[in-house]
PDB file of N, CA and C in Angstrom:
ATOM      1  N   MET A   1      18.015 -65.754 174.265  1.00  0.00           N
ATOM      2  CA  MET A   1      18.592 -67.713 175.071  1.00  0.00           C
ATOM      3  C   MET A   1      18.500 -68.699 174.091  1.00  0.00           C
ATOM      4  N   LEU A   2      17.729 -68.990 172.919  1.00  0.00           N
ATOM      5  CA  LEU A   2      18.168 -69.983 172.018  1.00  0.00           C
ATOM      6  C   LEU A   2      19.494 -69.964 171.171  1.00  0.00           C
ATOM      7  N   LEU A   3      19.855 -68.779 171.260  1.00  0.00           N
ATOM      8  CA  LEU A   3      21.198 -68.524 170.423  1.00  0.00           C
ATOM      9  C   LEU A   3      22.279 -69.157 170.882  1.00  0.00           C
ATOM     10  N   LYS A   4      22.112 -68.619 172.286  1.00  0.00           N
ATOM     11  CA  LYS A   4      23.257 -68.777 173.873  1.00  0.00           C
ATOM     12  C   LYS A   4      23.243 -71.017 173.569  1.00  0.00           C
ATOM     13  N   LEU A   5      22.403 -71.564 173.841  1.00  0.00           N
ATOM     14  CA  LEU A   5      22.657 -73.017 174.516  1.00  0.00           C
ATOM     15  C   LEU A   5      23.100 -73.389 172.597  1.00  0.00           C
ATOM     16  N   PRO A   6      22.771 -73.345 171.803  1.00  0.00           N
ATOM     17  CA  PRO A   6      23.479 -73.896 170.714  1.00  0.00           C
ATOM     18  C   PRO A   6      25.073 -74.010 170.378  1.00  0.00           C
ATOM     19  N   LEU A   7      25.416 -72.596 171.155  1.00  0.00           N
ATOM     20  CA  LEU A   7      26.645 -71.929 171.299  1.00  0.00           C
ATOM     21  C   LEU A   7      27.649 -72.458 172.323  1.00  0.00           C
ATOM     22  N   ARG A   8      26.950 -72.878 173.151  1.00  0.00           N
ATOM     23  CA  ARG A   8      27.618 -73.752 174.330  1.00  0.00           C
ATOM     24  C   ARG A   8      27.411 -75.067 174.230  1.00  0.00           C
ATOM     25  N   LEU A   9      26.952 -75.173 173.770  1.00  0.00           N
ATOM     26  CA  LEU A   9      26.736 -77.376 173.329  1.00  0.00           C
ATOM     27  C   LEU A   9      27.435 -77.020 172.130  1.00  0.00           C
ATOM     28  N   GLY A  10      27.792 -75.917 170.978  1.00  0.00           N
ATOM     29  CA  GLY A  10      28.938 -76.188 170.254  1.00  0.00           C
ATOM     30  C   GLY A  10      30.135 -76.421 170.975  1.00  0.00           C
ATOM     31  N   LEU A  11      30.952 -75.427 171.761  1.00  0.00           N
ATOM     32  CA  LEU A  11      31.918 -75.074 172.625  1.00  0.00           C
ATOM     33  C   LEU A  11      32.241 -76.507 173.574  1.00  0.00           C
ATOM     34  N   LYS A  12      31.178 -77.183 174.245  1.00  0.00           N
ATOM     35  CA  LYS A  12      31.778 -77.824 174.831  1.00  0.00           C
ATOM     36  C   LYS A  12      32.189 -79.116 173.285  1.00  0.00           C
ATOM     37  N   LEU A  13      30.654 -79.277 172.543  1.00  0.00           N
ATOM     38  CA  LEU A  13      31.427 -80.200 171.386  1.00  0.00           C
ATOM     39  C   LEU A  13      33.285 -80.506 171.150  1.00  0.00           C
ATOM     40  N   LEU A  14      33.889 -79.173 170.668  1.00  0.00           N
ATOM     41  CA  LEU A  14      35.111 -78.488 170.535  1.00  0.00           C
ATOM     42  C   LEU A  14      35.632 -78.866 171.030  1.00  0.00           C
ATOM     43  N   LEU A  15      35.481 -78.750 172.794  1.00  0.00           N
ATOM     44  CA  LEU A  15      36.346 -78.959 173.724  1.00  0.00           C
ATOM     45  C   LEU A  15      36.937 -80.218 174.150  1.00  0.00           C
ATOM     46  N   SER A  16      35.648 -80.786 174.112  1.00  0.00           N
ATOM     47  CA  SER A  16      35.893 -82.302 174.546  1.00  0.00           C
ATOM     48  C   SER A  16      36.932 -83.037 172.427  1.00  0.00           C
ATOM     49  N   LEU A  17      36.282 -82.348 171.849  1.00  0.00           N
ATOM     50  CA  LEU A  17      36.892 -82.792 170.656  1.00  0.00           C
ATOM     51  C   LEU A  17      38.525 -82.794 170.709  1.00  0.00           C
ATOM     52  N   LEU A  18      38.929 -81.538 171.322  1.00  0.00           N
ATOM     53  CA  LEU A  18      40.424 -81.756 171.699  1.00  0.00           C
ATOM     54  C   LEU A  18      41.027 -81.835 172.360  1.00  0.00           C
ATOM     55  N   LEU A  19      39.791 -82.572 172.938  1.00  0.00           N
ATOM     56  CA  LEU A  19      40.387 -83.127 174.467  1.00  0.00           C
ATOM     57  C   LEU A  19      40.904 -85.031 174.054  1.00  0.00           C
ATOM     58  N   ASP A  20      39.755 -85.260 173.086  1.00  0.00           N
ATOM     59  CA  ASP A  20      40.063 -86.370 172.327  1.00  0.00           C
ATOM     60  C   ASP A  20      41.511 -86.695 171.619  1.00  0.00           C
ATOM     61  N   LEU A  21      41.619 -85.640 170.995  1.00  0.00           N
ATOM     62  CA  LEU A  21      42.821 -85.283 170.245  1.00  0.00           C
ATOM     63  C   LEU A  21      44.433 -85.348 170.961  1.00  0.00           C
ATOM     64  N   LEU A  22      44.041 -84.543 172.086  1.00  0.00           N
ATOM     65  CA  LEU A  22      45.270 -84.347 173.259  1.00  0.00           C
ATOM     66  C   LEU A  22      45.637 -85.907 173.199  1.00  0.00           C
ATOM     67  N   MET A  23      44.700 -86.619 173.987  1.00  0.00           N
ATOM     68  CA  MET A  23      45.077 -87.922 174.926  1.00  0.00           C
ATOM     69  C   MET A  23      45.532 -88.383 173.395  1.00  0.00           C
ATOM     70  N   LEU A  24      45.183 -88.679 172.552  1.00  0.00           N
ATOM     71  CA  LEU A  24      45.385 -89.558 171.161  1.00  0.00           C
ATOM     72  C   LEU A  24      47.016 -89.444 170.621  1.00  0.00           C
ATOM     73  N   VAL A  25      47.304 -87.554 170.981  1.00  0.00           N
ATOM     74  CA  VAL A  25      48.551 -87.940 170.540  1.00  0.00           C
ATOM     75  C   VAL A  25      48.999 -87.801 171.975  1.00  0.00           C
ATOM     76  N   LEU A  26      48.965 -87.548 172.991  1.00  0.00           N
ATOM     77  CA  LEU A  26      49.658 -88.390 174.305  1.00  0.00           C
ATOM     78  C   LEU A  26      49.840 -89.866 174.258  1.00  0.00           C
ATOM     79  N   ASP A  27      48.930 -90.714 173.467  1.00  0.00           N
ATOM     80  CA  ASP A  27      49.562 -91.731 173.395  1.00  0.00           C
ATOM     81  C   ASP A  27      49.673 -92.089 172.255  1.00  0.00           C
ATOM     82  N   ARG A  28      49.832 -91.479 171.654  1.00  0.00           N
ATOM     83  CA  ARG A  28      50.958 -92.025 170.559  1.00  0.00           C
ATOM     84  C   ARG A  28      52.279 -91.660 170.861  1.00  0.00           C
ATOM     85  N   GLN A  29      52.528 -90.565 171.664  1.00  0.00           N
ATOM     86  CA  GLN A  29      54.202 -90.371 172.439  1.00  0.00           C
ATOM     87  C   GLN A  29      54.308 -91.081 172.655  1.00  0.00           C
ATOM     88  N   ARG A  30      53.334 -91.638 173.163  1.00  0.00           N
ATOM     89  CA  ARG A  30      53.899 -92.543 174.590  1.00  0.00           C
ATOM     90  C   ARG A  30      54.222 -94.244 174.128  1.00  0.00           C
ATOM     91  N   ASN A  31      53.535 -94.029 172.793  1.00  0.00           N
ATOM     92  CA  ASN A  31      53.730 -95.504 172.673  1.00  0.00           C
ATOM     93  C   ASN A  31      54.371 -95.365 171.908  1.00  0.00           C
ATOM     94  N   GLN A  32      55.723 -94.481 171.059  1.00  0.00           N
ATOM     95  CA  GLN A  32      56.272 -94.203 170.359  1.00  0.00           C
ATOM     96  C   GLN A  32      58.109 -94.207 171.441  1.00  0.00           C
ATOM     97  N   GLY A  33      57.482 -94.116 172.449  1.00  0.00           N
ATOM     98  CA  GLY A  33      58.595 -94.097 173.910  1.00  0.00           C
ATOM     99  C   GLY A  33      59.256 -95.535 173.956  1.00  0.00           C
ATOM    100  N   LEU A  34      57.483 -96.255 174.184  1.00  0.00           N
ATOM    101  CA  LEU A  34      57.946 -97.627 174.349  1.00  0.00           C
ATOM    102  C   LEU A  34      58.475 -98.300 173.133  1.00  0.00           C
ATOM    103  N   HIS A  35      58.279 -97.961 171.980  1.00  0.00           N
ATOM    104  CA  HIS A  35      58.794 -98.470 170.925  1.00  0.00           C
ATOM    105  C   HIS A  35      60.299 -98.461 170.682  1.00  0.00           C
ATOM    106  N   LYS A  36      60.365 -97.470 171.431  1.00  0.00           N
ATOM    107  CA  LYS A  36      62.055 -97.074 171.249  1.00  0.00           C
ATOM    108  C   LYS A  36      63.095 -97.741 172.329  1.00  0.00           C
ATOM    109  N   GLN A  37      62.319 -97.669 172.988  1.00  0.00           N
ATOM    110  CA  GLN A  37      62.513 -98.644 174.417  1.00  0.00           C
ATOM    111  C   GLN A  37      62.596 -99.712 174.049  1.00  0.00           C
ATOM    112  N   SER A  38      62.067-100.442 173.542  1.00  0.00           N
ATOM    113  CA  SER A  38      62.018-101.803 173.338  1.00  0.00           C
ATOM    114  C   SER A  38      63.080-102.241 172.003  1.00  0.00           C
ATOM    115  N   LYS A  39      63.869-101.240 171.446  1.00  0.00           N
ATOM    116  CA  LYS A  39      64.650-101.611 170.453  1.00  0.00           C
ATOM    117  C   LYS A  39      65.571-101.725 171.095  1.00  0.00           C
ATOM    118  N   ASN A  40      66.334-100.417 172.133  1.00  0.00           N
ATOM    119  CA  ASN A  40      67.295-100.090 172.527  1.00  0.00           C
ATOM    120  C   ASN A  40      67.315-101.592 173.089  1.00  0.00           C
ATOM    121  N   LEU A  41      66.547-102.173 174.079  1.00  0.00           N
ATOM    122  CA  LEU A  41      66.980-103.249 174.010  1.00  0.00           C
ATOM    123  C   LEU A  41      66.703-104.386 173.459  1.00  0.00           C
ATOM    124  N   ASP A  42      66.659-104.254 172.396  1.00  0.00           N
ATOM    125  CA  ASP A  42      67.660-105.730 171.136  1.00  0.00           C
ATOM    126  C   ASP A  42      68.147-105.045 171.088  1.00  0.00           C
ATOM    127  N   ILE A  43      68.505-103.882 171.021  1.00  0.00           N
ATOM    128  CA  ILE A  43      70.071-103.719 170.643  1.00  0.00           C
ATOM    129  C   ILE A  43      71.262-103.613 171.663  1.00  0.00           C
ATOM    130  N   ASP A  44      70.350-103.768 173.634  1.00  0.00           N
ATOM    131  CA  ASP A  44      71.604-104.387 174.432  1.00  0.00           C
ATOM    132  C   ASP A  44      71.341-106.035 174.241  1.00  0.00           C
ATOM    133  N   HIS A  45      70.398-106.355 174.187  1.00  0.00           N
ATOM    134  CA  HIS A  45      70.369-107.542 174.143  1.00  0.00           C
ATOM    135  C   HIS A  45      71.428-108.504 172.823  1.00  0.00           C
ATOM    136  N   GLU A  46      71.381-108.115 171.670  1.00  0.00           N
ATOM    137  CA  GLU A  46      72.445-108.458 170.577  1.00  0.00           C
ATOM    138  C   GLU A  46      73.946-108.283 170.639  1.00  0.00           C
ATOM    139  N   LEU A  47      74.363-106.551 171.525  1.00  0.00           N
ATOM    140  CA  LEU A  47      75.824-106.383 172.113  1.00  0.00           C
ATOM    141  C   LEU A  47      76.153-107.843 173.095  1.00  0.00           C
ATOM    142  N   ASP A  48      75.010-107.922 173.890  1.00  0.00           N
ATOM    143  CA  ASP A  48      75.531-109.065 174.794  1.00  0.00           C
ATOM    144  C   ASP A  48      75.613-110.800 174.010  1.00  0.00           C
ATOM    145  N   LEU A  49      75.282-111.033 173.096  1.00  0.00           N
ATOM    146  CA  LEU A  49      75.374-112.128 172.116  1.00  0.00           C
ATOM    147  C   LEU A  49      76.423-111.465 171.864  1.00  0.00           C
ATOM    148  N   ALA A  50      76.818-111.012 171.292  1.00  0.00           N
ATOM    149  CA  ALA A  50      77.600-110.207 170.726  1.00  0.00           C
ATOM    150  C   ALA A  50      79.471-110.569 171.592  1.00  0.00           C
ATOM    151  N   LEU A  51      79.522-110.074 173.178  1.00  0.00           N
ATOM    152  CA  LEU A  51      80.345-111.071 173.813  1.00  0.00           C
ATOM    153  C   LEU A  51      80.452-112.228 174.212  1.00  0.00           C
TER     154      LEU A  51
END
């Protein structure tokens, strides 16, 4: 019984850390995607100015 409790807490902690890491990665990927979109918009804007 005493061994199961820390194990369960450890698993919960590990799971929450993994979830945080996943959210961080997804956030970073989304931010990079937005950055790429804004770069593309800048290029489009420059093309419009050139024309």
